[in-house]
């Protein structure tokens, strides 16, 4: 940080981070909150392979953010569901007054090489990684488009993460 500069890079911005209960998503949420963002921490709380559900991981990150004076709320929903993505964006708007950034980070891992993966495993990965990027992006972009139609300005961002673990494995 520059001497005398106290502005936080994301001060006042509202950010959704999917898959933010653990791993790199958690780190994104903490970093953005440290930089002044208000954060919607989305995580379905499933295991690494996508099975199960648990509100704990998302809430733990929210609690960490609040402990250092940040502002956050948990959303425990399936990013591949258009209804859940709509609920997630609405949560940001209702809680923090808007939405500026969506970080599409949610993902699941099938710890096998492509040639040994079953069709059901492939379908689950595609559901979370592709549809789980499309749904939040679609709802957020519709929100921003409607704001623009109403003469409001947007300084919005969609950020998509990717991984090579499907190619190289763990």
C-alpha atoms as a PDB file:
ATOM      1  CA  UNK A   1       0.000   0.000   0.000  1.00  0.00           C
ATOM      2  CA  UNK A   2       1.221   3.493  -0.795  1.00  0.00           C
ATOM      3  CA  UNK A   3       2.088   5.713   2.158  1.00  0.00           C
ATOM      4  CA  UNK A   4      -0.893   7.853   3.118  1.00  0.00           C
ATOM      5  CA  UNK A   5      -3.327   5.955   0.895  1.00  0.00           C
ATOM      6  CA  UNK A   6      -6.134   4.396   2.905  1.00  0.00           C
ATOM      7  CA  UNK A   7      -8.744   3.785   0.201  1.00  0.00           C
ATOM      8  CA  UNK A   8      -9.727   0.208  -0.234  1.00  0.00           C
ATOM      9  CA  UNK A   9      -9.891  -1.016  -3.819  1.00  0.00           C
ATOM     10  CA  UNK A  10     -13.440  -2.422  -3.502  1.00  0.00           C
ATOM     11  CA  UNK A  11     -14.939  -0.008  -0.986  1.00  0.00           C
ATOM     12  CA  UNK A  12     -18.721  -0.075  -1.259  1.00  0.00           C
ATOM     13  CA  UNK A  13     -18.827  -2.680  -4.032  1.00  0.00           C
ATOM     14  CA  UNK A  14     -21.163  -5.658  -3.710  1.00  0.00           C
ATOM     15  CA  UNK A  15     -19.656  -8.992  -4.754  1.00  0.00           C
ATOM     16  CA  UNK A  16     -21.030 -12.504  -5.090  1.00  0.00           C
ATOM     17  CA  UNK A  17     -18.460 -15.284  -4.945  1.00  0.00           C
ATOM     18  CA  UNK A  18     -19.685 -18.777  -5.773  1.00  0.00           C
ATOM     19  CA  UNK A  19     -17.994 -21.755  -4.162  1.00  0.00           C
ATOM     20  CA  UNK A  20     -16.695 -19.398  -1.487  1.00  0.00           C
ATOM     21  CA  UNK A  21     -16.948 -21.708   1.516  1.00  0.00           C
ATOM     22  CA  UNK A  22     -13.559 -23.313   0.966  1.00  0.00           C
ATOM     23  CA  UNK A  23     -10.413 -23.150  -1.118  1.00  0.00           C
ATOM     24  CA  UNK A  24      -9.702 -20.318  -3.509  1.00  0.00           C
ATOM     25  CA  UNK A  25     -13.308 -19.083  -3.353  1.00  0.00           C
ATOM     26  CA  UNK A  26     -12.903 -18.539   0.375  1.00  0.00           C
ATOM     27  CA  UNK A  27      -9.711 -16.593  -0.274  1.00  0.00           C
ATOM     28  CA  UNK A  28     -11.481 -14.425  -2.889  1.00  0.00           C
ATOM     29  CA  UNK A  29     -14.247 -13.661  -0.380  1.00  0.00           C
ATOM     30  CA  UNK A  30     -11.810 -12.749   2.387  1.00  0.00           C
ATOM     31  CA  UNK A  31      -9.637 -10.637   0.082  1.00  0.00           C
ATOM     32  CA  UNK A  32     -12.564  -8.719  -1.395  1.00  0.00           C
ATOM     33  CA  UNK A  33     -13.991  -8.097   2.084  1.00  0.00           C
ATOM     34  CA  UNK A  34     -10.591  -6.857   3.303  1.00  0.00           C
ATOM     35  CA  UNK A  35     -10.660  -4.481   0.330  1.00  0.00           C
ATOM     36  CA  UNK A  36     -14.024  -3.103   1.457  1.00  0.00           C
ATOM     37  CA  UNK A  37     -16.481  -5.163  -0.589  1.00  0.00           C
ATOM     38  CA  UNK A  38     -19.776  -6.365   0.790  1.00  0.00           C
ATOM     39  CA  UNK A  39     -19.771 -10.070   0.043  1.00  0.00           C
ATOM     40  CA  UNK A  40     -22.381 -12.703  -0.688  1.00  0.00           C
ATOM     41  CA  UNK A  41     -20.630 -15.954   0.186  1.00  0.00           C
ATOM     42  CA  UNK A  42     -22.263 -18.683  -1.899  1.00  0.00           C
ATOM     43  CA  UNK A  43     -21.508 -22.293  -1.161  1.00  0.00           C
ATOM     44  CA  UNK A  44     -23.768 -25.318  -1.359  1.00  0.00           C
ATOM     45  CA  UNK A  45     -21.535 -26.964   1.213  1.00  0.00           C
ATOM     46  CA  UNK A  46     -21.077 -30.202  -0.655  1.00  0.00           C
ATOM     47  CA  UNK A  47     -17.997 -32.332  -0.418  1.00  0.00           C
ATOM     48  CA  UNK A  48     -15.243 -31.919  -3.006  1.00  0.00           C
ATOM     49  CA  UNK A  49     -17.040 -34.374  -5.254  1.00  0.00           C
ATOM     50  CA  UNK A  50     -20.257 -32.360  -5.053  1.00  0.00           C
ATOM     51  CA  UNK A  51     -22.256 -34.700  -2.844  1.00  0.00           C
ATOM     52  CA  UNK A  52     -24.122 -33.599   0.254  1.00  0.00           C
ATOM     53  CA  UNK A  53     -24.964 -30.106   1.456  1.00  0.00           C
ATOM     54  CA  UNK A  54     -23.936 -28.116   4.510  1.00  0.00           C
ATOM     55  CA  UNK A  55     -24.542 -24.453   5.408  1.00  0.00           C
ATOM     56  CA  UNK A  56     -21.446 -24.483   7.638  1.00  0.00           C
ATOM     57  CA  UNK A  57     -18.696 -23.551   5.164  1.00  0.00           C
ATOM     58  CA  UNK A  58     -20.474 -20.440   3.813  1.00  0.00           C
ATOM     59  CA  UNK A  59     -21.459 -19.275   7.285  1.00  0.00           C
ATOM     60  CA  UNK A  60     -17.934 -19.813   8.636  1.00  0.00           C
ATOM     61  CA  UNK A  61     -16.537 -17.482   5.951  1.00  0.00           C
ATOM     62  CA  UNK A  62     -19.245 -14.904   6.723  1.00  0.00           C
ATOM     63  CA  UNK A  63     -18.313 -15.130  10.406  1.00  0.00           C
ATOM     64  CA  UNK A  64     -14.615 -14.611   9.565  1.00  0.00           C
ATOM     65  CA  UNK A  65     -15.439 -11.541   7.488  1.00  0.00           C
ATOM     66  CA  UNK A  66     -17.647 -10.059  10.192  1.00  0.00           C
ATOM     67  CA  UNK A  67     -14.957 -10.750  12.809  1.00  0.00           C
ATOM     68  CA  UNK A  68     -12.585  -8.304  11.097  1.00  0.00           C
ATOM     69  CA  UNK A  69     -15.321  -5.718  10.556  1.00  0.00           C
ATOM     70  CA  UNK A  70     -16.397  -6.679   7.045  1.00  0.00           C
ATOM     71  CA  UNK A  71     -19.918  -7.118   5.758  1.00  0.00           C
ATOM     72  CA  UNK A  72     -21.088 -10.464   4.382  1.00  0.00           C
ATOM     73  CA  UNK A  73     -24.064 -12.762   4.092  1.00  0.00           C
ATOM     74  CA  UNK A  74     -24.245 -16.494   3.339  1.00  0.00           C
ATOM     75  CA  UNK A  75     -26.163 -18.036   0.463  1.00  0.00           C
ATOM     76  CA  UNK A  76     -26.454 -21.814   0.482  1.00  0.00           C
ATOM     77  CA  UNK A  77     -27.764 -22.577  -2.966  1.00  0.00           C
ATOM     78  CA  UNK A  78     -27.013 -24.565  -6.096  1.00  0.00           C
ATOM     79  CA  UNK A  79     -25.283 -22.316  -8.637  1.00  0.00           C
ATOM     80  CA  UNK A  80     -26.530 -24.497 -11.481  1.00  0.00           C
ATOM     81  CA  UNK A  81     -30.151 -23.708 -10.571  1.00  0.00           C
ATOM     82  CA  UNK A  82     -31.576 -20.615 -12.240  1.00  0.00           C
ATOM     83  CA  UNK A  83     -33.992 -20.224  -9.305  1.00  0.00           C
ATOM     84  CA  UNK A  84     -31.147 -20.369  -6.762  1.00  0.00           C
ATOM     85  CA  UNK A  85     -29.033 -17.959  -8.838  1.00  0.00           C
ATOM     86  CA  UNK A  86     -31.984 -15.561  -8.956  1.00  0.00           C
ATOM     87  CA  UNK A  87     -32.347 -15.865  -5.184  1.00  0.00           C
ATOM     88  CA  UNK A  88     -28.607 -15.217  -4.759  1.00  0.00           C
ATOM     89  CA  UNK A  89     -28.649 -12.011  -6.828  1.00  0.00           C
ATOM     90  CA  UNK A  90     -31.806 -10.842  -5.063  1.00  0.00           C
ATOM     91  CA  UNK A  91     -30.112 -11.492  -1.709  1.00  0.00           C
ATOM     92  CA  UNK A  92     -27.261  -9.170  -2.739  1.00  0.00           C
ATOM     93  CA  UNK A  93     -29.687  -6.461  -3.858  1.00  0.00           C
ATOM     94  CA  UNK A  94     -31.957  -6.775  -0.809  1.00  0.00           C
ATOM     95  CA  UNK A  95     -29.104  -6.974   1.717  1.00  0.00           C
ATOM     96  CA  UNK A  96     -26.569  -4.552   0.257  1.00  0.00           C
ATOM     97  CA  UNK A  97     -28.547  -2.429  -2.202  1.00  0.00           C
ATOM     98  CA  UNK A  98     -27.085  -3.680  -5.456  1.00  0.00           C
ATOM     99  CA  UNK A  99     -24.619  -5.919  -7.220  1.00  0.00           C
ATOM    100  CA  UNK A 100     -21.318  -5.007  -8.859  1.00  0.00           C
ATOM    101  CA  UNK A 101     -19.287  -8.200  -9.241  1.00  0.00           C
ATOM    102  CA  UNK A 102     -19.924 -11.919  -9.713  1.00  0.00           C
ATOM    103  CA  UNK A 103     -16.976 -14.263  -9.296  1.00  0.00           C
ATOM    104  CA  UNK A 104     -17.961 -17.630 -10.766  1.00  0.00           C
ATOM    105  CA  UNK A 105     -15.712 -19.960  -8.854  1.00  0.00           C
ATOM    106  CA  UNK A 106     -17.871 -22.936  -7.788  1.00  0.00           C
ATOM    107  CA  UNK A 107     -16.620 -26.300  -8.908  1.00  0.00           C
ATOM    108  CA  UNK A 108     -16.484 -29.955  -8.029  1.00  0.00           C
ATOM    109  CA  UNK A 109     -13.757 -32.470  -8.567  1.00  0.00           C
ATOM    110  CA  UNK A 110     -13.901 -35.998  -9.856  1.00  0.00           C
ATOM    111  CA  UNK A 111     -10.565 -37.445  -8.931  1.00  0.00           C
ATOM    112  CA  UNK A 112     -10.065 -39.444 -12.120  1.00  0.00           C
ATOM    113  CA  UNK A 113      -8.751 -38.938 -15.564  1.00  0.00           C
ATOM    114  CA  UNK A 114     -11.182 -38.138 -18.346  1.00  0.00           C
ATOM    115  CA  UNK A 115     -10.911 -41.644 -19.825  1.00  0.00           C
ATOM    116  CA  UNK A 116     -12.000 -43.299 -16.564  1.00  0.00           C
ATOM    117  CA  UNK A 117     -14.849 -40.932 -15.706  1.00  0.00           C
ATOM    118  CA  UNK A 118     -18.408 -42.231 -15.965  1.00  0.00           C
ATOM    119  CA  UNK A 119     -21.158 -40.353 -17.764  1.00  0.00           C
ATOM    120  CA  UNK A 120     -22.967 -39.467 -14.511  1.00  0.00           C
ATOM    121  CA  UNK A 121     -19.738 -38.016 -13.107  1.00  0.00           C
ATOM    122  CA  UNK A 122     -19.181 -36.011 -16.301  1.00  0.00           C
ATOM    123  CA  UNK A 123     -22.753 -34.684 -16.173  1.00  0.00           C
ATOM    124  CA  UNK A 124     -22.269 -33.516 -12.565  1.00  0.00           C
ATOM    125  CA  UNK A 125     -19.054 -31.667 -13.461  1.00  0.00           C
ATOM    126  CA  UNK A 126     -20.688 -30.002 -16.468  1.00  0.00           C
ATOM    127  CA  UNK A 127     -23.703 -29.029 -14.351  1.00  0.00           C
ATOM    128  CA  UNK A 128     -21.636 -27.231 -11.726  1.00  0.00           C
ATOM    129  CA  UNK A 129     -18.877 -25.815 -13.910  1.00  0.00           C
ATOM    130  CA  UNK A 130     -20.827 -24.736 -16.991  1.00  0.00           C
ATOM    131  CA  UNK A 131     -24.425 -24.280 -15.927  1.00  0.00           C
ATOM    132  CA  UNK A 132     -23.145 -23.014 -12.582  1.00  0.00           C
ATOM    133  CA  UNK A 133     -21.315 -20.258 -14.441  1.00  0.00           C
ATOM    134  CA  UNK A 134     -24.203 -19.540 -16.811  1.00  0.00           C
ATOM    135  CA  UNK A 135     -26.978 -19.195 -14.196  1.00  0.00           C
ATOM    136  CA  UNK A 136     -25.408 -16.521 -11.940  1.00  0.00           C
ATOM    137  CA  UNK A 137     -24.008 -14.699 -14.989  1.00  0.00           C
ATOM    138  CA  UNK A 138     -27.387 -14.701 -16.716  1.00  0.00           C
ATOM    139  CA  UNK A 139     -29.254 -13.359 -13.680  1.00  0.00           C
ATOM    140  CA  UNK A 140     -26.607 -10.732 -12.878  1.00  0.00           C
ATOM    141  CA  UNK A 141     -26.411  -9.518 -16.480  1.00  0.00           C
ATOM    142  CA  UNK A 142     -30.197  -9.220 -16.596  1.00  0.00           C
ATOM    143  CA  UNK A 143     -30.077  -7.149 -13.395  1.00  0.00           C
ATOM    144  CA  UNK A 144     -27.416  -4.859 -14.893  1.00  0.00           C
ATOM    145  CA  UNK A 145     -29.280  -4.586 -18.208  1.00  0.00           C
ATOM    146  CA  UNK A 146     -32.482  -3.557 -16.429  1.00  0.00           C
ATOM    147  CA  UNK A 147     -30.578  -0.927 -14.466  1.00  0.00           C
ATOM    148  CA  UNK A 148     -29.122   0.462 -17.700  1.00  0.00           C
ATOM    149  CA  UNK A 149     -32.587   0.564 -19.279  1.00  0.00           C
ATOM    150  CA  UNK A 150     -33.706   2.638 -16.290  1.00  0.00           C
ATOM    151  CA  UNK A 151     -30.875   5.111 -16.874  1.00  0.00           C
ATOM    152  CA  UNK A 152     -28.709   3.832 -14.026  1.00  0.00           C
ATOM    153  CA  UNK A 153     -25.004   3.251 -14.491  1.00  0.00           C
ATOM    154  CA  UNK A 154     -23.178  -0.016 -13.894  1.00  0.00           C
ATOM    155  CA  UNK A 155     -19.525  -0.574 -13.205  1.00  0.00           C
ATOM    156  CA  UNK A 156     -20.050  -4.310 -13.223  1.00  0.00           C
ATOM    157  CA  UNK A 157     -17.764  -7.283 -13.623  1.00  0.00           C
ATOM    158  CA  UNK A 158     -18.133 -11.002 -14.319  1.00  0.00           C
ATOM    159  CA  UNK A 159     -15.037 -12.974 -13.313  1.00  0.00           C
ATOM    160  CA  UNK A 160     -14.778 -16.651 -14.228  1.00  0.00           C
ATOM    161  CA  UNK A 161     -12.201 -18.998 -12.781  1.00  0.00           C
ATOM    162  CA  UNK A 162     -10.985 -22.239 -14.255  1.00  0.00           C
ATOM    163  CA  UNK A 163      -8.835 -25.169 -13.251  1.00  0.00           C
ATOM    164  CA  UNK A 164      -6.642 -27.677 -15.021  1.00  0.00           C
ATOM    165  CA  UNK A 165      -7.339 -30.386 -12.436  1.00  0.00           C
ATOM    166  CA  UNK A 166      -9.624 -32.170 -14.911  1.00  0.00           C
ATOM    167  CA  UNK A 167      -6.693 -32.516 -17.283  1.00  0.00           C
ATOM    168  CA  UNK A 168      -3.879 -33.168 -14.840  1.00  0.00           C
ATOM    169  CA  UNK A 169      -5.759 -34.494 -11.789  1.00  0.00           C
ATOM    170  CA  UNK A 170      -4.946 -33.525  -8.239  1.00  0.00           C
END
